[in-house]
Protein backbone atom coordinates (compact mmCIF):
# COMPACT_ATOMS: atom_id res chain seq x y z
CA MET A 1 155.64 175.35 180.57
CA ASN A 2 156.19 178.19 183.04
CA ILE A 3 159.79 177.13 183.54
CA ALA A 4 160.42 177.20 179.78
CA ARG A 5 158.82 180.66 179.46
CA ARG A 6 160.93 182.00 182.30
CA ILE A 7 164.17 180.58 180.85
CA CYS A 8 163.44 182.17 177.43
CA THR A 9 162.57 185.66 178.69
CA THR A 10 165.18 186.13 181.40
CA PRO A 11 168.20 186.96 179.15
CA TYR A 12 166.28 189.80 177.40
CA GLN A 13 164.96 191.71 180.35
CA ASN A 14 167.99 193.98 180.63
CA VAL A 15 167.84 194.69 176.88
CA ASN A 16 164.26 195.91 177.17
CA LYS A 17 165.13 198.23 180.04
CA SER A 18 168.09 199.77 178.22
CA LEU A 19 166.05 200.26 175.01
CA TYR A 20 163.29 202.00 176.97
CA ARG A 21 165.85 204.34 178.61
CA LYS A 22 167.39 205.28 175.27
CA PHE A 23 163.97 205.93 173.67
CA LYS A 24 162.91 208.04 176.66
CA THR A 25 166.10 210.08 176.46
CA SER A 26 165.74 210.72 172.69
CA VAL A 27 162.15 211.89 173.13
CA ALA A 28 163.16 214.31 175.87
CA GLN A 29 165.96 215.69 173.71
CA TYR A 30 163.52 216.18 170.78
CA GLU A 31 161.01 218.01 172.95
CA SER A 32 163.72 220.32 174.32
CA SER A 33 165.09 221.07 170.86
CA ALA A 34 161.61 221.87 169.54
CA HIS A 35 161.61 225.05 171.62
CA THR A 36 164.98 226.23 170.39
CA GLN A 37 164.62 225.49 166.61
CA PRO A 38 162.53 227.76 164.32
CA GLN A 39 158.99 226.50 163.75
CA ILE A 40 157.69 225.84 160.20
CA GLN A 41 153.95 226.47 160.05
CA GLU A 42 151.75 225.32 157.17
CA GLU A 43 150.13 228.22 155.38
CA LYS A 44 146.38 228.01 154.91
CA PHE A 45 144.74 229.51 151.83
CA ASP A 46 141.10 230.32 151.32
CA PHE A 47 140.65 229.18 147.73
CA GLU A 48 137.11 230.54 147.58
CA ASP A 49 138.46 234.04 148.18
CA LEU A 50 141.18 233.65 145.58
CA LYS A 51 138.55 232.59 142.99
CA VAL A 52 140.73 230.01 141.31
CA LEU A 53 138.02 227.37 141.16
CA GLU A 54 137.27 226.46 137.54
CA ARG A 55 135.37 223.73 135.78
CA THR A 56 137.49 220.73 134.85
CA GLU A 57 137.19 219.25 131.37
CA ARG A 58 137.23 215.50 130.94
CA ARG A 59 138.60 215.10 127.44
CA LYS A 60 140.04 212.04 125.77
CA ALA A 61 143.14 212.02 123.61
CA GLN A 62 142.98 213.59 120.17
CA ILE A 63 141.56 211.38 117.40
CA PRO A 64 141.78 211.62 113.59
CA PRO A 65 138.99 213.57 111.88
CA PHE A 66 135.88 211.41 111.74
CA MET A 67 133.90 212.50 108.69
CA LYS A 68 136.94 213.56 106.67
CA ASN A 69 138.17 209.98 106.88
CA VAL A 70 134.75 208.73 105.76
CA PHE A 71 135.54 210.29 102.35
CA LEU A 72 138.30 207.65 102.25
CA SER A 73 135.91 204.93 103.48
CA VAL A 74 137.81 204.84 106.79
CA TYR A 75 135.48 204.60 109.77
CA ASN A 76 136.24 205.04 113.48
CA ARG A 77 134.12 202.30 115.06
CA ASP A 78 134.82 203.55 118.59
CA LEU A 79 132.54 206.53 117.93
CA LEU A 80 129.54 204.21 117.69
CA ALA A 81 129.52 204.49 121.49
CA TYR A 82 127.21 207.51 121.85
CA PRO A 83 128.92 210.27 123.88
CA GLU A 84 128.08 210.82 127.55
CA ILE A 85 129.63 214.17 128.44
CA LEU A 86 127.87 215.29 131.63
CA ASN A 87 128.21 213.63 135.02
CA LYS A 88 125.38 213.36 137.56
CA GLU A 89 125.96 216.72 139.28
CA GLU A 90 126.30 218.62 136.00
CA SER A 91 123.20 216.96 134.59
CA GLU A 92 121.11 217.84 137.65
CA ALA A 93 122.26 221.46 137.60
CA LEU A 94 121.45 221.62 133.88
CA ASP A 95 117.95 220.20 134.43
CA GLU A 96 117.25 222.77 137.13
CA ARG A 97 118.17 225.72 134.92
CA VAL A 98 116.28 224.29 131.94
CA ALA A 99 113.20 223.80 134.11
CA ALA A 100 113.42 227.42 135.32
CA LEU A 101 113.65 228.66 131.74
CA ASP A 102 110.88 226.38 130.53
CA ARG A 103 108.42 227.76 133.10
CA VAL A 104 108.81 231.18 131.49
CA PHE A 105 109.26 230.35 127.80
CA SER A 106 106.41 227.81 127.68
CA ASP A 107 103.94 230.30 129.18
CA PRO A 108 102.24 232.29 126.37
CA ASP A 109 101.24 235.02 128.83
CA LYS A 110 104.85 235.96 129.59
CA THR A 111 106.16 239.08 127.86
CA LEU A 112 109.49 239.63 126.14
CA GLU A 113 110.80 241.42 129.22
CA ASP A 114 109.83 238.47 131.41
CA ARG A 115 111.83 236.15 129.19
CA LYS A 116 114.84 238.43 129.15
CA ASN A 117 114.72 238.64 132.94
CA ALA A 118 114.65 234.85 133.10
CA LEU A 119 117.77 234.75 130.94
CA LYS A 120 119.48 237.19 133.29
CA VAL A 121 118.49 235.28 136.43
CA THR A 122 119.79 231.98 135.03
CA LYS A 123 123.03 233.66 133.81
CA MET A 124 122.38 232.80 130.17
CA TYR A 125 124.06 235.98 128.97
CA ALA A 126 127.23 234.84 130.74
CA ALA A 127 126.85 231.12 130.03
CA PRO A 128 130.10 230.56 128.03
CA VAL A 129 132.16 232.74 130.38
CA SER A 130 134.44 231.15 132.99
CA LEU A 131 133.30 230.64 136.56
CA THR A 132 135.74 233.25 137.87
CA ASN A 133 133.97 235.87 135.74
CA ASN A 134 130.57 234.89 137.17
CA GLY A 135 129.68 232.67 134.22
CA LEU A 136 128.61 229.05 133.80
CA ALA A 137 131.45 227.76 131.57
CA ILE A 138 128.93 225.72 129.56
CA ASN A 139 130.06 223.27 126.90
CA HIS A 140 128.44 222.57 123.53
CA THR A 141 126.20 219.81 124.87
CA GLU A 142 124.69 222.10 127.50
CA SER A 143 124.27 224.94 125.02
CA LEU A 144 122.04 222.73 122.86
CA ARG A 145 119.81 221.92 125.84
CA TYR A 146 119.42 225.58 126.66
CA LEU A 147 118.69 226.52 123.05
CA GLU A 148 115.94 223.90 122.86
CA THR A 149 114.07 225.86 125.53
CA ILE A 150 115.04 229.40 124.53
CA GLY A 151 114.26 228.55 120.88
CA ALA A 152 110.54 228.77 121.69
CA ASP A 153 111.14 232.50 121.13
CA LEU A 154 112.92 232.53 117.78
CA GLN A 155 114.24 236.08 118.07
CA LEU A 156 115.75 235.51 121.51
CA GLY A 157 117.13 232.16 120.39
CA GLN A 158 119.07 233.73 117.54
CA GLU A 159 120.25 236.60 119.73
CA ILE A 160 121.58 234.34 122.46
CA SER A 161 123.26 232.08 119.88
CA ASP A 162 125.15 235.00 118.31
CA HIS A 163 125.98 236.29 121.80
CA TRP A 164 127.51 232.98 122.90
CA VAL A 165 129.54 232.55 119.73
CA SER A 166 130.81 236.13 119.98
CA LEU A 167 131.86 235.71 123.61
CA ASN A 168 133.95 232.68 122.70
CA ALA A 169 135.54 234.55 119.80
CA LEU A 170 136.35 237.54 122.02
CA LYS A 171 137.99 235.29 124.59
CA LEU A 172 140.31 233.99 121.88
CA GLY A 173 141.00 237.31 120.18
CA LEU A 174 141.37 239.91 122.93
CA THR A 175 144.20 240.30 125.38
CA GLU A 176 143.49 239.28 128.96
CA ASP A 177 143.44 242.85 130.25
CA THR A 178 141.09 244.11 127.53
CA HIS A 179 138.82 241.11 127.97
CA GLN A 180 138.54 241.62 131.73
CA LYS A 181 137.65 245.30 131.29
CA ILE A 182 134.58 244.68 129.13
CA ILE A 183 133.39 241.19 130.04
CA ASP A 184 131.17 242.28 132.93
CA HIS A 185 129.31 244.79 130.77
CA MET A 186 128.82 242.32 127.93
CA THR A 187 127.41 239.61 130.21
CA SER A 188 125.02 241.82 132.14
CA GLY A 189 122.22 241.26 129.63
CA GLU A 190 121.76 244.95 128.86
CA HIS A 191 123.57 244.67 125.52
CA THR A 192 124.01 241.54 123.41
CA ILE A 193 126.61 240.96 120.71
CA ALA A 194 125.46 240.61 117.09
CA LEU A 195 127.51 238.88 114.40
CA CYS A 196 128.09 240.87 111.20
CA ILE A 197 129.61 238.53 108.62
CA LYS A 198 127.51 238.28 105.47
CA GLU A 199 127.35 241.09 102.88
CA ARG A 200 125.23 242.05 99.91
CA ILE A 201 125.89 240.14 96.71
CA ALA A 202 128.00 242.18 94.31
CA GLU A 203 125.99 244.01 91.65
CA ARG A 204 128.87 244.53 89.21
CA ILE A 205 131.68 242.32 87.92
CA THR A 206 134.28 244.84 89.03
CA GLN A 207 132.82 244.93 92.54
CA ALA A 208 134.57 242.75 95.12
CA ASP A 209 132.63 239.99 96.86
CA PHE A 210 133.90 241.09 100.27
CA ARG A 211 133.91 244.87 100.58
CA THR A 212 133.90 245.75 104.30
CA SER A 213 137.38 246.96 105.23
CA ALA A 214 139.24 248.37 108.22
CA ALA A 215 142.22 250.71 108.25
CA LEU A 216 144.27 252.62 110.79
CA ASP A 217 143.76 256.38 110.95
CA GLU A 218 146.33 259.00 111.95
CA ARG A 219 145.65 258.30 115.65
CA SER A 220 146.29 254.55 115.21
CA VAL A 221 142.61 253.77 115.68
CA TRP A 222 140.99 251.13 113.48
CA ARG A 223 138.13 252.53 111.39
CA ILE A 224 135.54 250.22 109.76
CA THR A 225 133.82 251.05 106.48
CA GLY A 226 131.23 248.86 104.82
CA GLU A 227 127.77 247.29 104.97
CA LYS A 228 126.67 244.02 106.59
CA ILE A 229 123.48 241.99 106.74
CA CYS A 230 122.28 242.27 110.35
CA LYS A 231 118.88 242.92 111.91
CA SER A 232 120.17 244.02 115.31
CA THR A 233 119.76 247.74 115.94
CA SER A 234 121.67 248.16 119.21
CA GLY A 235 124.33 246.61 121.37
CA TYR A 236 127.75 245.33 120.38
CA TYR A 237 128.71 244.27 116.85
CA LEU A 238 131.36 241.74 115.94
CA VAL A 239 132.31 242.68 112.37
CA LEU A 240 134.37 240.65 109.90
CA CYS A 241 136.58 242.93 107.78
CA VAL A 242 139.50 242.90 105.39
CA ALA A 243 142.47 244.45 107.16
CA GLU A 244 146.06 244.38 105.98
CA THR A 245 145.36 241.77 103.27
CA ARG A 246 143.73 239.31 105.65
CA LEU A 247 140.39 238.77 107.39
CA LYS A 248 140.09 240.13 110.89
CA MET A 249 137.27 240.56 113.40
CA PHE A 250 136.53 243.89 115.11
CA LEU A 251 134.37 244.67 118.12
CA VAL A 252 132.16 247.74 117.77
CA HIS A 253 130.87 249.11 121.08
CA PRO A 254 127.31 250.38 121.67
CA ASP A 255 126.53 253.91 120.48
CA ALA A 256 129.72 254.04 118.40
CA GLU A 257 129.90 256.80 115.81
CA GLY A 258 129.20 256.13 112.14
CA VAL A 259 126.69 253.27 112.62
CA SER A 260 123.34 253.42 110.81
CA HIS A 261 120.59 250.79 110.60
CA ASP A 262 118.19 249.68 107.91
CA ASP A 263 115.54 246.98 108.05
CA THR A 264 118.05 244.29 107.10
CA TYR A 265 121.43 246.03 106.88
CA VAL A 266 123.80 247.89 109.18
CA THR A 267 126.22 250.38 107.68
CA PHE A 268 129.58 251.42 109.14
CA ARG A 269 131.15 254.73 108.09
CA LYS A 270 134.63 255.06 109.63
CA THR A 271 133.37 253.43 112.80
CA PRO A 272 136.02 252.79 115.48
CA GLY A 273 136.55 249.15 116.38
CA THR A 274 138.68 247.00 118.66
CA PRO A 275 140.65 244.36 116.70
CA LEU A 276 140.84 240.70 117.72
CA ASP A 277 144.58 240.36 117.11
CA MET A 278 145.31 237.35 119.31
CA VAL A 279 143.42 234.75 117.23
CA THR A 280 144.39 233.15 113.91
CA GLU A 281 142.02 232.82 110.97
CA ASP A 282 141.67 229.06 111.47
CA LEU A 283 140.74 229.36 115.14
CA LEU A 284 138.38 232.22 114.37
CA ALA A 285 136.65 230.21 111.65
CA ARG A 286 136.28 227.28 114.02
CA ALA A 287 134.79 229.49 116.75
CA LEU A 288 132.32 231.12 114.38
CA GLY A 289 131.41 227.78 112.81
CA VAL A 290 129.69 226.68 116.03
CA SER A 291 126.81 228.98 115.06
CA ARG A 292 125.89 226.31 112.48
CA LEU A 293 125.28 223.82 115.26
CA HIS A 294 123.09 226.36 117.05
CA THR A 295 121.19 226.99 113.82
CA ALA A 296 120.49 223.27 113.48
CA ALA A 297 119.06 223.18 117.00
CA LEU A 298 116.85 226.22 116.32
CA ILE A 299 115.53 224.74 113.06
CA ARG A 300 114.68 221.51 114.87
CA CYS A 301 112.87 223.46 117.59
CA SER A 302 110.89 225.30 114.93
CA LEU A 303 109.94 222.00 113.27
CA LEU A 304 108.82 220.49 116.60
CA GLN A 305 106.80 223.62 117.31
CA ALA A 306 105.05 223.15 113.96
CA ILE A 307 104.32 219.49 114.78
CA ARG A 308 102.71 220.53 118.09
CA LYS A 309 100.53 223.18 116.44
CA ILE A 310 99.39 220.89 113.63
CA SER A 311 98.69 218.10 116.14
CA GLY A 312 96.55 220.52 118.16
CA TYR A 313 94.60 221.29 114.99
CA ILE A 314 94.13 217.62 114.03
CA GLN A 315 93.07 216.03 117.32
CA PRO A 316 89.61 217.61 117.87
CA ARG A 317 88.50 217.35 114.20
CA THR A 318 86.76 214.63 112.21
CA PHE A 319 86.48 213.69 108.54
CA SER A 320 83.74 211.46 107.07
CA GLY A 321 82.63 210.48 110.55
CA LYS A 322 86.11 209.45 111.66
CA PRO A 323 88.69 211.33 113.72
CA LEU A 324 91.13 213.21 111.50
CA SER A 325 93.99 211.74 113.53
CA GLU A 326 93.16 208.26 112.19
CA VAL A 327 93.81 209.18 108.54
CA THR A 328 96.92 207.23 107.58
CA THR A 329 98.31 209.87 105.21
CA ILE A 330 98.22 212.47 107.99
CA ARG A 331 99.85 210.06 110.42
CA ALA A 332 102.58 209.35 107.86
CA VAL A 333 103.35 213.07 107.41
CA VAL A 334 103.58 213.67 111.17
CA GLY A 335 105.63 210.51 111.68
CA ASP A 336 108.08 211.47 108.95
CA ALA A 337 108.54 214.92 110.52
CA LEU A 338 109.20 213.32 113.91
CA LEU A 339 111.74 210.95 112.34
CA THR A 340 113.55 213.94 110.83
CA ALA A 341 113.61 215.75 114.18
CA TYR A 342 114.89 212.65 115.99
CA ALA A 343 117.66 212.13 113.46
CA SER A 344 118.73 215.77 113.62
CA GLU A 345 118.76 215.78 117.43
CA SER A 346 120.90 212.63 117.44
CA ALA A 347 123.42 214.18 115.04
CA GLU A 348 123.60 217.46 116.97
CA TYR A 349 124.40 215.84 120.33
CA PHE A 350 126.74 213.37 118.63
CA THR A 351 128.70 216.29 117.15
CA ALA A 352 128.59 218.19 120.45
CA GLY A 353 130.08 215.10 122.06
CA LEU A 354 132.97 215.20 119.59
CA LEU A 355 133.61 218.86 120.40
CA ASP A 356 133.39 218.36 124.18
CA GLY A 357 134.91 214.93 124.59
CA TYR A 358 138.22 215.06 122.69
CA LEU A 359 141.29 217.25 122.61
CA GLU A 360 141.54 219.60 119.61
CA PRO A 361 138.67 218.01 117.68
CA ASP A 362 138.55 218.49 113.90
CA ALA A 363 134.74 218.57 113.64
CA ASP A 364 134.05 221.50 111.32
CA LEU A 365 132.51 219.21 108.72
CA GLU A 366 130.28 217.49 111.27
CA VAL A 367 128.94 220.85 112.47
CA ALA A 368 128.16 221.96 108.90
CA MET A 369 126.51 218.61 108.12
CA CYS A 370 124.15 218.96 111.10
CA ARG A 371 123.01 222.34 109.83
CA ASN A 372 122.43 221.28 106.24
CA PHE A 373 120.65 218.04 107.03
CA ILE A 374 117.89 219.63 109.08
CA ALA A 375 117.77 222.70 106.81
CA GLY A 376 116.90 220.56 103.79
CA ALA A 377 114.82 217.82 105.40
CA GLY A 378 113.07 220.14 107.86
CA LEU A 379 111.80 222.53 105.21
CA GLY A 380 110.31 219.67 103.17
CA SER A 381 108.63 218.21 106.25
CA LEU A 382 107.17 221.58 107.22
CA LEU A 383 105.62 222.10 103.78
CA LYS A 384 103.79 218.78 104.14
CA LEU A 385 102.68 219.64 107.67
CA ILE A 386 101.15 223.04 106.89
CA ALA A 387 99.31 221.51 103.92
CA ILE A 388 97.15 219.49 106.38
CA PRO A 389 95.04 222.42 107.71
CA ASN A 390 95.28 224.13 104.31
CA VAL A 391 93.39 227.46 104.44
CA GLU A 392 92.22 227.16 108.06
CA MET A 393 95.60 228.13 109.54
CA GLN A 394 96.94 230.55 106.96
CA SER A 395 98.48 233.07 109.32
CA GLU A 396 100.06 230.40 111.55
CA GLY A 397 101.31 228.52 108.50
CA ARG A 398 102.91 231.64 107.04
CA THR A 399 104.60 232.38 110.37
CA LEU A 400 105.97 228.86 110.70
CA LEU A 401 107.20 228.83 107.12
CA GLU A 402 108.86 232.24 107.41
CA ASN A 403 110.58 231.24 110.66
CA LEU A 404 112.04 228.11 109.13
CA ARG A 405 112.98 229.92 105.92
CA SER A 406 114.86 232.63 107.81
CA LEU A 407 116.73 230.02 109.86
CA THR A 408 117.61 227.98 106.78
CA LEU A 409 119.14 231.07 105.16
CA ARG A 410 120.66 232.40 108.39
CA GLY A 411 124.09 233.72 107.45
CA GLU A 412 124.60 231.33 104.51
CA THR A 413 122.76 229.16 102.03
CA VAL A 414 122.49 225.37 101.90
CA ASP A 415 124.50 225.25 98.65
CA SER A 416 127.39 227.27 100.07
CA VAL A 417 127.63 225.02 103.11
CA ASN A 418 127.48 221.95 100.86
CA MET A 419 130.43 223.33 98.91
CA PHE A 420 132.34 223.78 102.16
CA ILE A 421 131.64 220.17 103.15
CA ALA A 422 132.45 218.62 99.79
CA LEU A 423 135.61 220.63 99.04
CA ASN A 424 137.10 219.98 102.47
CA GLY A 425 136.26 216.30 102.28
CA ILE A 426 137.55 215.73 98.78
CA HIS A 427 140.68 217.75 99.54
CA HIS A 428 141.37 215.45 102.48
CA ALA A 429 140.77 212.41 100.28
CA GLY A 430 142.86 213.82 97.44
CA LYS A 431 145.96 214.12 99.62
CA ALA A 432 145.80 210.40 100.39
CA MET A 433 144.84 209.28 96.87
CA SER A 434 146.95 211.62 94.74
CA GLN A 435 149.28 208.94 93.40
CA GLU A 436 146.41 206.61 92.59
CA ILE A 437 144.45 209.35 90.81
CA HIS A 438 147.53 210.30 88.79
CA GLN A 439 147.85 206.72 87.54
CA MET A 440 144.15 206.50 86.71
CA ARG A 441 144.31 209.68 84.63
CA ASN A 442 147.31 208.33 82.72
CA PRO A 443 146.33 204.71 81.97
CA VAL A 444 148.73 204.26 79.01
CA PHE A 445 151.75 204.75 81.26
CA HIS A 446 150.43 202.48 84.02
CA PRO A 447 148.83 199.42 82.39
CA THR A 448 149.60 197.06 85.27
CA PHE A 449 147.94 199.34 87.79
CA ILE A 450 144.85 199.66 85.57
CA LEU A 451 144.47 195.88 85.33
CA LYS A 452 144.75 195.51 89.09
CA LYS A 453 142.28 198.35 89.54
CA LEU A 454 139.74 196.71 87.26
CA PHE A 455 139.93 193.52 89.30
CA SER A 456 139.80 195.19 92.73
CA ASP A 457 136.85 197.46 91.82
CA ARG A 458 134.63 194.76 90.36
CA HIS A 459 132.33 194.82 93.40
CA GLN A 460 132.05 198.60 93.34
CA GLU A 461 131.20 198.52 89.64
CA ARG A 462 128.23 196.26 90.43
CA ASP A 463 127.21 198.51 93.37
CA GLN A 464 127.85 195.62 95.76
CA PRO A 465 130.87 196.51 97.92
CA LYS A 466 132.15 193.83 100.25
CA LEU A 467 131.19 194.74 103.82
CA THR A 468 134.50 194.51 105.65
CA LEU A 469 134.16 197.17 108.37
CA ARG A 470 132.32 194.91 110.86
CA LEU A 471 130.29 197.77 112.35
CA ALA A 472 127.66 195.41 113.74
CA GLU A 473 130.11 194.28 116.42
CA HIS A 474 129.91 197.73 118.05
CA LEU A 475 126.11 197.99 118.14
CA HIS A 476 123.26 196.05 119.67
CA PRO A 477 122.65 192.77 117.78
CA SER A 478 119.14 193.95 116.81
CA LEU A 479 120.75 196.66 114.66
CA ARG A 480 122.72 194.30 112.43
CA VAL A 481 120.80 195.12 109.23
CA PRO A 482 120.88 198.92 109.79
CA SER A 483 124.61 198.67 110.52
CA GLU A 484 125.08 196.94 107.15
CA HIS A 485 123.26 199.86 105.50
CA LEU A 486 125.69 202.26 107.18
CA GLU A 487 128.65 200.14 106.14
CA TYR A 488 127.46 200.14 102.51
CA CYS A 489 127.23 203.93 102.51
CA VAL A 490 130.70 204.37 104.01
CA LEU A 491 132.35 202.00 101.54
CA ARG A 492 130.79 203.81 98.58
CA MET A 493 132.23 207.19 99.54
CA LYS A 494 135.80 206.47 98.44
CA TRP A 495 134.50 205.20 95.12
CA ALA A 496 132.54 208.43 94.59
CA CYS A 497 135.56 210.62 95.45
CA GLU A 498 137.81 208.53 93.22
CA THR A 499 135.36 208.79 90.32
CA MET A 500 135.07 212.57 90.60
CA MET A 501 138.81 213.22 90.87
CA ALA A 502 139.66 210.84 88.02
CA ARG A 503 137.00 212.47 85.83
CA HIS A 504 137.68 216.15 86.54
CA GLY A 505 141.25 216.28 87.88
CA VAL A 506 142.20 219.73 89.14
CA GLU A 507 138.88 221.07 87.83
CA VAL A 508 136.91 219.13 90.42
CA PRO A 509 136.02 222.33 92.39
CA ARG A 510 133.97 223.42 89.35
CA ALA A 511 131.80 220.27 89.39
CA HIS A 512 129.25 221.96 91.64
CA LEU A 513 126.35 219.57 91.10
CA GLU A 514 128.44 216.49 91.81
CA LEU A 515 130.02 218.13 94.85
CA ASN A 516 126.56 218.98 96.13
CA ARG A 517 125.53 215.33 95.88
CA LEU A 518 128.73 214.22 97.60
CA ALA A 519 128.09 216.58 100.52
CA GLU A 520 124.51 215.35 100.90
CA ALA A 521 125.66 211.73 100.92
CA ALA A 522 128.30 212.47 103.58
CA SER A 523 125.72 214.29 105.72
CA GLU A 524 123.43 211.27 105.55
CA ILE A 525 126.27 209.02 106.76
CA LEU A 526 126.91 211.22 109.79
CA VAL A 527 123.24 211.19 110.74
CA ILE A 528 122.93 207.40 110.32
CA SER A 529 125.95 206.94 112.58
CA ALA A 530 124.46 209.20 115.26
CA VAL A 531 121.02 207.60 115.10
CA LEU A 532 122.34 204.04 115.36
CA ALA A 533 124.74 204.91 118.18
CA ARG A 534 122.00 206.68 120.15
CA ALA A 535 119.43 203.90 119.72
CA SER A 536 121.95 201.20 120.62
CA ARG A 537 122.98 203.03 123.79
CA ALA A 538 119.37 203.67 124.81
CA TYR A 539 118.41 200.01 124.39
CA CYS A 540 121.51 198.66 126.12
CA ILE A 541 121.13 200.80 129.25
CA GLY A 542 117.35 200.34 129.36
CA LEU A 543 116.05 203.86 128.76
CA ARG A 544 112.30 204.39 128.67
CA ASN A 545 110.83 204.03 125.14
CA SER A 546 114.11 202.61 123.89
CA GLU A 547 112.22 200.12 121.72
CA ASN A 548 110.75 203.08 119.83
CA GLU A 549 114.25 204.43 119.29
CA MET A 550 115.31 201.12 117.77
CA LYS A 551 112.41 201.33 115.31
CA LEU A 552 113.21 204.95 114.49
CA ALA A 553 116.84 204.04 113.86
CA SER A 554 115.95 201.12 111.61
CA CYS A 555 113.50 203.20 109.56
CA PHE A 556 115.90 206.07 109.13
CA ALA A 557 118.85 203.84 108.17
CA GLU A 558 116.73 202.14 105.48
CA GLN A 559 115.53 205.44 104.00
CA SER A 560 118.94 207.09 104.19
CA ARG A 561 120.69 204.15 102.56
CA ASN A 562 118.42 204.50 99.54
CA ARG A 563 119.14 208.23 99.31
CA VAL A 564 122.91 207.68 99.47
CA GLN A 565 122.70 204.94 96.85
CA ARG A 566 120.83 207.26 94.48
CA LEU A 567 123.22 210.19 95.06
CA ILE A 568 126.38 208.17 94.45
CA LYS A 569 124.89 206.44 91.40
CA GLU A 570 124.17 209.86 89.88
CA ILE A 571 127.79 210.87 90.55
CA ASP A 572 129.00 207.66 88.89
CA ASP A 573 126.73 208.10 85.86
CA GLY A 574 128.09 211.53 84.91
CA GLU A 575 126.42 214.64 83.57
CA TYR A 576 124.84 213.00 80.50
CA LEU A 577 123.27 209.93 82.09
CA ASN A 578 122.02 211.83 85.14
CA LEU A 579 120.78 214.63 82.80
CA ASP A 580 122.71 217.42 84.55
CA ARG A 581 124.07 218.64 81.21
CA PHE A 582 120.62 219.25 79.77
CA VAL A 583 119.13 220.77 82.93
CA VAL A 584 122.00 223.27 83.08
CA GLU A 585 121.43 224.21 79.45
CA PHE A 586 117.74 224.81 80.11
CA GLY A 587 118.59 227.11 83.02
CA LYS A 588 121.21 228.94 80.96
CA LYS A 589 118.67 229.58 78.19
CA ALA A 590 116.13 230.96 80.66
CA LEU A 591 118.65 233.23 82.41
CA GLU A 592 119.81 234.64 79.09
CA GLY A 593 116.23 235.67 78.33
CA GLY A 594 115.74 233.33 75.40
CA THR A 595 112.66 231.27 74.56
CA LEU A 596 113.04 227.65 75.50
CA CYS A 597 109.94 226.33 73.70
CA GLU A 598 106.74 227.51 72.04
CA LYS A 599 103.26 227.59 73.54
CA ALA A 600 101.43 224.30 73.86
CA THR A 601 98.75 225.50 71.40
CA ALA A 602 101.21 226.66 68.72
CA ARG A 603 100.79 225.16 65.22
CA VAL A 604 102.70 225.25 61.96
CA PHE A 605 99.99 224.42 59.42
CA TRP A 606 96.40 225.65 59.53
């Protein structure tokens, strides 16, 4: 063995020696040349000093509009996975700030100044601002969490909501240099920004609906003239004006000349303003529309506050020798209010997930639906709640009712938002169904199409659409029946849009009552989707009390399905069968000052 090893290695010994010499020589040459050649040193940057660290957004690719497609009975099943926007670090930081705010806002002994100082310490006045400008760069999901705590003080909740929306609008509309000059002062907490959008209703036919205007003076300074509904008496104002035949926003600085305040109105008389020239009307409308999502969160907080106060009244009291909390009618009222709050919360965070989780989301309708759902359902639940203590909590009841009423009418009415929802939805559906609607309105020229249509719509005519969307496959198996309720509602929406457009044609924007019903039905569908997605996620990942969420989701889906069925049936019936024609005539007679009927004791013959 040793002989064989020696024979095999002997011929290569000289090769190894020569290779070692060559390698040693090349290394020596490299080391000598290193001193003669110029050295390239790696530059080191301190990125903390440069302040280029910003929050990264984890957004998915752009998707088609969700609720607009529901008007065509097209449903994105992927969205039944409830959004999870925040990672572990972001969620922990959010919980810490919320806990710090809650210690102040939940303490009744804290004053208004204490609460404002807490907002300053936690950087709430700079929350939407980028990290480089000493802000928090919060997204929509985080803003809802903060508002849930700040909303305990309704005035501060509305102020901070307007402030956040205005900061986002200013970032879009001002140049970078102008924005950097004023951002530190606006986020210090000394002065907030108030939105001035809504105006008085016109008192004369010749009076324009939108009268606040802005024009350039001889010094090329924009001057604002008009009156806006706004309760803020100091700070910045973000005013919507007509300028050069289009709508434009202007920033009015504190202590500007020509500003006077009333209890409800603020008047501008040739007040100088800074224009937001860098933003288009569409982007501006989208930025301002987020205030609807904030309003929904504040209404829900007000409803939960009412539930807590009424529960505190009920628990220590008895009736007929039994605790008042054991009366089933009282339990039903409180449970229905909690179901409404749960559904609204689900829809708000679902919509916030759309805004935060996708590129260029088209979610204006979803935001408006969140506002209108809780505005209508919350007010009805509150009226039932404050009827429980009756006369024993008159002052508290009046305060709760006034708070919810002011939030419901904050900036706009429920009917105006419903018109926005319905007109945008039916416009989206009309673009896809224009050819079909044209043939339906001209049946004599398209007999073959009409025959096919009669056969294909036979299930819709019987109010029994075939469930072909297979939504149950994307939810927990326990939610199969609620998912079928959702599927029924979605499949009826195209039928409702088709019926309205075939009936009214280009006059469909004038069918206000039917459009109102269509918007309510669409809002219900959004909320069912959010509730089912949230409950399914909670049960699948094993959250605490997830079995209660499954029950809440099932109850809400059952109730909402019945409401959607009634709304779409009334649209299908038309103004005579659903009695709209006669109700409108009664209202017309009363508004004209005429007598609708005689007294109940009136007689003809004595």
